[in-house]
Amino acid sequence: MIDDPPPRLPPAFRLVALGTVVSTNDEAKRLLRDGAEEGTLVWAQAQSGGRGRDGRSWSSPAGNLYASLILRPEGPPGDVAQLGFVTALAIGSGIGGFLPPLVALTNKWPNDVLLDGRKVSGILLESEGVRSDGVDGVVLGFGVNVAACPAETRVPATSLAALAGEAIAPARVLEAIARHLQSWIRRWVEDGFEPVRQAWMSRAHALGQPISVRLPRETLEGVFAGIDARGMLQLDMPMGRRLVSAGDVFFN
């Protein structure tokens, strides 16, 4: 077993516990294509080929948390990206209980969780069977730096153990996140994105501050004004407000 005892998950989740895999998202996508039910949660001890957004490498040593949840949401494909914000809220609430007082927990658009301005978690959503009216399924992957973090990263990183000053079992972190994930997914399904948007905004990193947004062909400079009703970044620039659907945010 990866941890002893194994995580106690809500009844809605079915745990698939593995050792070292190339990627939990790859394993979950394979299971999804084979007909795995919603709520299947792939959890691995380590990844040999972990990745983040845009295929970037994700350092994946043993001791950290690597998990991917299979969902089969209804609705248009454009709504799927909102699950990234849902997951960020669940991760933030889940890891909060392991942190000492006064650690600043914030959300970095579009899919990172920061502690004292340093990255502790990332999220990767991948859809299968995308159609005009929906998707066959979604793999919601997330990683949390529980025991360690990489030294050289584009955004400075940290770990739960570094801040808590003690070792933490990944299974306990997964338990906590899963409870909040179930709750936030249910609220998103029942009440839509607005409650998620408001909660995410209450911990938005650099809100009202100057940021840079790096796009494939240009870099935008402006003030981070929040996210809109679809989850797009609102950037206030001298010529007016611009909405950004995808990009890399840097703090000025």
Protein backbone atom coordinates (compact mmCIF):
# COMPACT_ATOMS: atom_id res chain seq x y z
CA MET A 1 0.00 0.00 0.00
CA ILE A 2 1.03 3.56 -0.60
CA ASP A 3 0.15 4.67 2.91
CA ASP A 4 -0.94 2.79 6.00
CA PRO A 5 -3.82 3.17 6.62
CA PRO A 6 -5.21 3.95 3.15
CA PRO A 7 -7.29 7.10 2.65
CA ARG A 8 -10.91 7.08 3.76
CA LEU A 9 -12.80 8.61 0.85
CA PRO A 10 -16.44 9.66 0.47
CA PRO A 11 -18.72 6.89 -0.87
CA ALA A 12 -18.96 8.68 -4.23
CA PHE A 13 -15.30 7.88 -4.96
CA ARG A 14 -13.77 4.56 -6.00
CA LEU A 15 -10.04 4.43 -5.24
CA VAL A 16 -7.50 2.95 -7.66
CA ALA A 17 -4.20 2.96 -5.70
CA LEU A 18 -1.01 2.44 -7.70
CA GLY A 19 2.74 2.59 -7.18
CA THR A 20 4.80 4.44 -9.76
CA VAL A 21 3.03 5.32 -13.01
CA VAL A 22 3.94 7.49 -15.97
CA SER A 23 1.02 9.80 -15.22
CA THR A 24 -2.15 9.46 -13.16
CA ASN A 25 -3.99 11.39 -15.87
CA ASP A 26 -2.89 8.83 -18.47
CA GLU A 27 -4.08 5.99 -16.25
CA ALA A 28 -7.40 7.73 -15.60
CA LYS A 29 -7.95 8.44 -19.30
CA ARG A 30 -7.38 4.78 -20.09
CA LEU A 31 -9.91 3.77 -17.44
CA LEU A 32 -12.37 6.37 -18.70
CA ARG A 33 -12.16 5.01 -22.24
CA ASP A 34 -12.73 1.52 -20.83
CA GLY A 35 -15.97 2.67 -19.22
CA ALA A 36 -14.89 3.50 -15.67
CA GLU A 37 -17.64 5.04 -13.61
CA GLU A 38 -17.74 8.64 -12.47
CA GLY A 39 -15.90 9.06 -9.20
CA THR A 40 -13.04 6.71 -10.05
CA LEU A 41 -9.98 8.24 -8.38
CA VAL A 42 -6.51 7.20 -9.50
CA TRP A 43 -3.83 7.78 -6.85
CA ALA A 44 -0.13 7.05 -7.37
CA GLN A 45 2.93 7.03 -5.15
CA ALA A 46 5.09 8.66 -7.84
CA GLN A 47 5.04 9.58 -11.53
CA SER A 48 7.83 8.97 -14.02
CA GLY A 49 6.33 11.35 -16.59
CA GLY A 50 4.15 13.75 -14.68
CA ARG A 51 3.04 16.80 -16.61
CA GLY A 52 1.27 20.10 -16.16
CA ARG A 53 -0.33 22.53 -18.55
CA ASP A 54 0.98 22.66 -22.13
CA GLY A 55 2.92 19.42 -21.59
CA ARG A 56 5.31 20.92 -19.06
CA SER A 57 7.14 18.46 -16.84
CA TRP A 58 5.82 18.06 -13.28
CA SER A 59 8.39 16.87 -10.74
CA SER A 60 6.84 13.77 -9.15
CA PRO A 61 8.96 12.16 -6.39
CA ALA A 62 7.47 9.81 -3.81
CA GLY A 63 6.01 11.57 -0.77
CA ASN A 64 3.88 14.07 -2.69
CA LEU A 65 0.28 13.66 -3.81
CA TYR A 66 -0.65 12.71 -7.38
CA ALA A 67 -4.28 11.97 -8.19
CA SER A 68 -6.75 12.08 -11.08
CA LEU A 69 -10.53 11.94 -10.78
CA ILE A 70 -12.88 10.76 -13.53
CA LEU A 71 -16.02 12.84 -14.01
CA ARG A 72 -18.78 12.66 -16.60
CA PRO A 73 -20.33 16.12 -16.42
CA GLU A 74 -23.30 17.23 -18.46
CA GLY A 75 -23.39 20.51 -20.33
CA PRO A 76 -21.34 22.27 -23.01
CA PRO A 77 -17.59 21.68 -23.29
CA GLY A 78 -16.87 25.32 -22.42
CA ASP A 79 -18.10 24.72 -18.89
CA VAL A 80 -15.55 21.97 -18.25
CA ALA A 81 -12.77 24.49 -17.56
CA GLN A 82 -14.75 25.70 -14.55
CA LEU A 83 -13.82 22.45 -12.82
CA GLY A 84 -10.31 23.81 -12.44
CA PHE A 85 -11.62 26.53 -10.13
CA VAL A 86 -13.75 23.94 -8.31
CA THR A 87 -10.66 21.84 -7.70
CA ALA A 88 -8.58 24.78 -6.52
CA LEU A 89 -11.19 25.54 -3.86
CA ALA A 90 -11.22 21.91 -2.72
CA ILE A 91 -7.44 21.76 -2.53
CA GLY A 92 -7.23 25.03 -0.63
CA SER A 93 -9.83 23.92 1.90
CA GLY A 94 -8.31 20.46 2.18
CA ILE A 95 -4.73 21.51 2.87
CA GLY A 96 -5.70 24.36 5.17
CA GLY A 97 -5.97 22.02 8.13
CA PHE A 98 -2.30 21.01 7.80
CA LEU A 99 -0.96 24.56 7.84
CA PRO A 100 0.13 26.75 10.74
CA PRO A 101 -1.73 30.01 11.38
CA LEU A 102 -1.05 33.07 9.25
CA VAL A 103 0.07 31.19 6.12
CA ALA A 104 -1.49 33.03 3.19
CA LEU A 105 -3.41 30.62 0.94
CA THR A 106 -4.29 32.10 -2.45
CA ASN A 107 -5.43 31.04 -5.92
CA LYS A 108 -3.34 31.87 -8.99
CA TRP A 109 -5.24 32.00 -12.27
CA PRO A 110 -6.01 29.70 -13.90
CA ASN A 111 -5.17 26.55 -11.92
CA ASP A 112 -2.55 26.90 -9.17
CA VAL A 113 -2.77 27.11 -5.39
CA LEU A 114 -0.14 29.21 -3.59
CA LEU A 115 1.06 29.35 0.01
CA ASP A 116 2.75 32.60 0.96
CA GLY A 117 3.07 33.32 -2.75
CA ARG A 118 4.74 29.99 -3.58
CA LYS A 119 3.17 27.21 -5.62
CA VAL A 120 2.07 24.15 -3.66
CA SER A 121 -0.40 22.63 -6.11
CA GLY A 122 -1.27 22.48 -9.78
CA ILE A 123 -4.30 21.19 -11.69
CA LEU A 124 -4.60 19.61 -15.14
CA LEU A 125 -7.99 19.01 -16.80
CA GLU A 126 -8.21 16.77 -19.85
CA SER A 127 -11.42 15.95 -21.72
CA GLU A 128 -12.30 12.85 -23.73
CA GLY A 129 -14.82 12.62 -26.53
CA VAL A 130 -15.40 16.36 -26.96
CA ARG A 131 -18.59 17.12 -28.93
CA SER A 132 -20.47 20.31 -29.66
CA ASP A 133 -23.01 19.50 -26.95
CA GLY A 134 -20.76 17.96 -24.32
CA VAL A 135 -17.94 15.55 -23.50
CA ASP A 136 -17.77 11.84 -22.82
CA GLY A 137 -15.77 12.48 -19.70
CA VAL A 138 -13.20 14.61 -17.92
CA VAL A 139 -10.04 13.66 -16.07
CA LEU A 140 -9.38 16.08 -13.26
CA GLY A 141 -5.73 15.73 -12.31
CA PHE A 142 -4.04 17.44 -9.39
CA GLY A 143 -0.71 17.35 -7.63
CA VAL A 144 0.24 18.69 -4.21
CA ASN A 145 3.76 19.21 -2.91
CA VAL A 146 3.35 17.40 0.39
CA ALA A 147 6.89 16.34 1.30
CA ALA A 148 9.08 18.21 -1.18
CA CYS A 149 9.12 20.74 -3.99
CA PRO A 150 11.41 21.38 -6.95
CA ALA A 151 14.17 23.94 -6.41
CA GLU A 152 14.09 25.70 -9.78
CA THR A 153 10.65 26.51 -11.16
CA ARG A 154 9.03 29.27 -13.20
CA VAL A 155 6.94 30.12 -10.13
CA PRO A 156 8.70 29.63 -6.76
CA ALA A 157 7.44 26.48 -5.04
CA THR A 158 6.94 25.21 -1.50
CA SER A 159 5.62 22.13 0.28
CA LEU A 160 3.22 21.40 3.12
CA ALA A 161 6.00 19.76 5.17
CA ALA A 162 8.25 22.80 4.82
CA LEU A 163 5.57 25.08 6.22
CA ALA A 164 4.16 22.69 8.81
CA GLY A 165 7.58 21.62 10.06
CA GLU A 166 6.63 17.94 10.12
CA ALA A 167 6.05 14.99 7.82
CA ILE A 168 2.52 14.60 6.43
CA ALA A 169 1.11 11.44 4.85
CA PRO A 170 -0.23 11.98 1.32
CA ALA A 171 -3.18 9.72 2.18
CA ARG A 172 -4.36 12.14 4.84
CA VAL A 173 -4.09 15.06 2.40
CA LEU A 174 -6.07 13.12 -0.19
CA GLU A 175 -8.78 12.38 2.38
CA ALA A 176 -9.18 16.05 3.20
CA ILE A 177 -9.21 17.21 -0.41
CA ALA A 178 -11.68 14.50 -1.47
CA ARG A 179 -14.24 15.61 1.13
CA HIS A 180 -14.16 19.18 -0.10
CA LEU A 181 -14.01 18.12 -3.73
CA GLN A 182 -17.23 16.17 -3.41
CA SER A 183 -18.93 19.15 -1.78
CA TRP A 184 -17.74 21.71 -4.33
CA ILE A 185 -18.55 19.54 -7.32
CA ARG A 186 -22.07 19.07 -6.01
CA ARG A 187 -22.49 22.80 -5.52
CA TRP A 188 -21.18 23.52 -9.03
CA VAL A 189 -23.65 21.02 -10.53
CA GLU A 190 -26.59 22.33 -8.52
CA ASP A 191 -25.92 26.09 -8.37
CA GLY A 192 -23.66 26.80 -11.34
CA PHE A 193 -20.38 28.65 -11.51
CA GLU A 194 -21.23 31.85 -9.65
CA PRO A 195 -20.76 30.53 -6.08
CA VAL A 196 -17.49 28.94 -7.21
CA ARG A 197 -16.37 32.18 -8.85
CA GLN A 198 -17.10 34.22 -5.74
CA ALA A 199 -15.29 31.79 -3.43
CA TRP A 200 -12.29 31.60 -5.77
CA MET A 201 -12.15 35.39 -6.00
CA SER A 202 -12.08 35.72 -2.21
CA ARG A 203 -8.60 34.15 -2.36
CA ALA A 204 -7.46 35.45 -5.74
CA HIS A 205 -3.74 36.16 -5.78
CA ALA A 206 -2.67 39.66 -6.87
CA LEU A 207 -6.23 40.92 -7.28
CA GLY A 208 -6.11 44.62 -8.12
CA GLN A 209 -2.36 44.48 -8.71
CA PRO A 210 -0.21 44.77 -11.86
CA ILE A 211 0.46 41.47 -13.64
CA SER A 212 1.86 40.22 -16.92
CA VAL A 213 0.00 37.64 -19.00
CA ARG A 214 2.15 35.74 -21.45
CA LEU A 215 0.31 34.58 -24.57
CA PRO A 216 1.76 32.57 -27.49
CA ARG A 217 2.40 35.71 -29.58
CA GLU A 218 2.41 38.58 -27.09
CA THR A 219 2.70 39.57 -23.46
CA LEU A 220 -0.01 41.74 -21.93
CA GLU A 221 0.53 44.16 -19.06
CA GLY A 222 -2.31 45.38 -16.87
CA VAL A 223 -4.12 45.16 -13.57
CA PHE A 224 -5.74 41.88 -12.54
CA ALA A 225 -9.45 42.71 -12.13
CA GLY A 226 -10.72 39.19 -11.43
CA ILE A 227 -12.48 36.48 -13.43
CA ASP A 228 -15.75 36.76 -15.31
CA ALA A 229 -18.83 34.52 -15.33
CA ARG A 230 -17.02 31.99 -17.54
CA GLY A 231 -13.73 31.97 -15.63
CA MET A 232 -11.84 34.19 -18.08
CA LEU A 233 -9.18 36.50 -16.65
CA GLN A 234 -10.14 40.17 -16.63
CA LEU A 235 -7.16 42.39 -17.35
CA ASP A 236 -7.54 46.17 -17.12
CA MET A 237 -5.20 47.81 -19.66
CA PRO A 238 -4.79 51.45 -20.70
CA MET A 239 -7.05 50.86 -23.72
CA GLY A 240 -9.72 49.09 -21.68
CA ARG A 241 -10.52 45.69 -20.24
CA ARG A 242 -9.35 42.58 -22.04
CA LEU A 243 -10.53 39.03 -21.40
CA VAL A 244 -8.01 36.19 -21.52
CA SER A 245 -9.08 32.55 -21.85
CA ALA A 246 -5.62 30.98 -21.54
CA GLY A 247 -2.15 32.25 -20.67
CA ASP A 248 0.63 32.33 -18.09
CA VAL A 249 0.40 34.92 -15.35
CA PHE A 250 3.44 36.57 -13.81
CA PHE A 251 3.45 39.05 -10.95
CA ASN A 252 5.07 42.44 -11.46
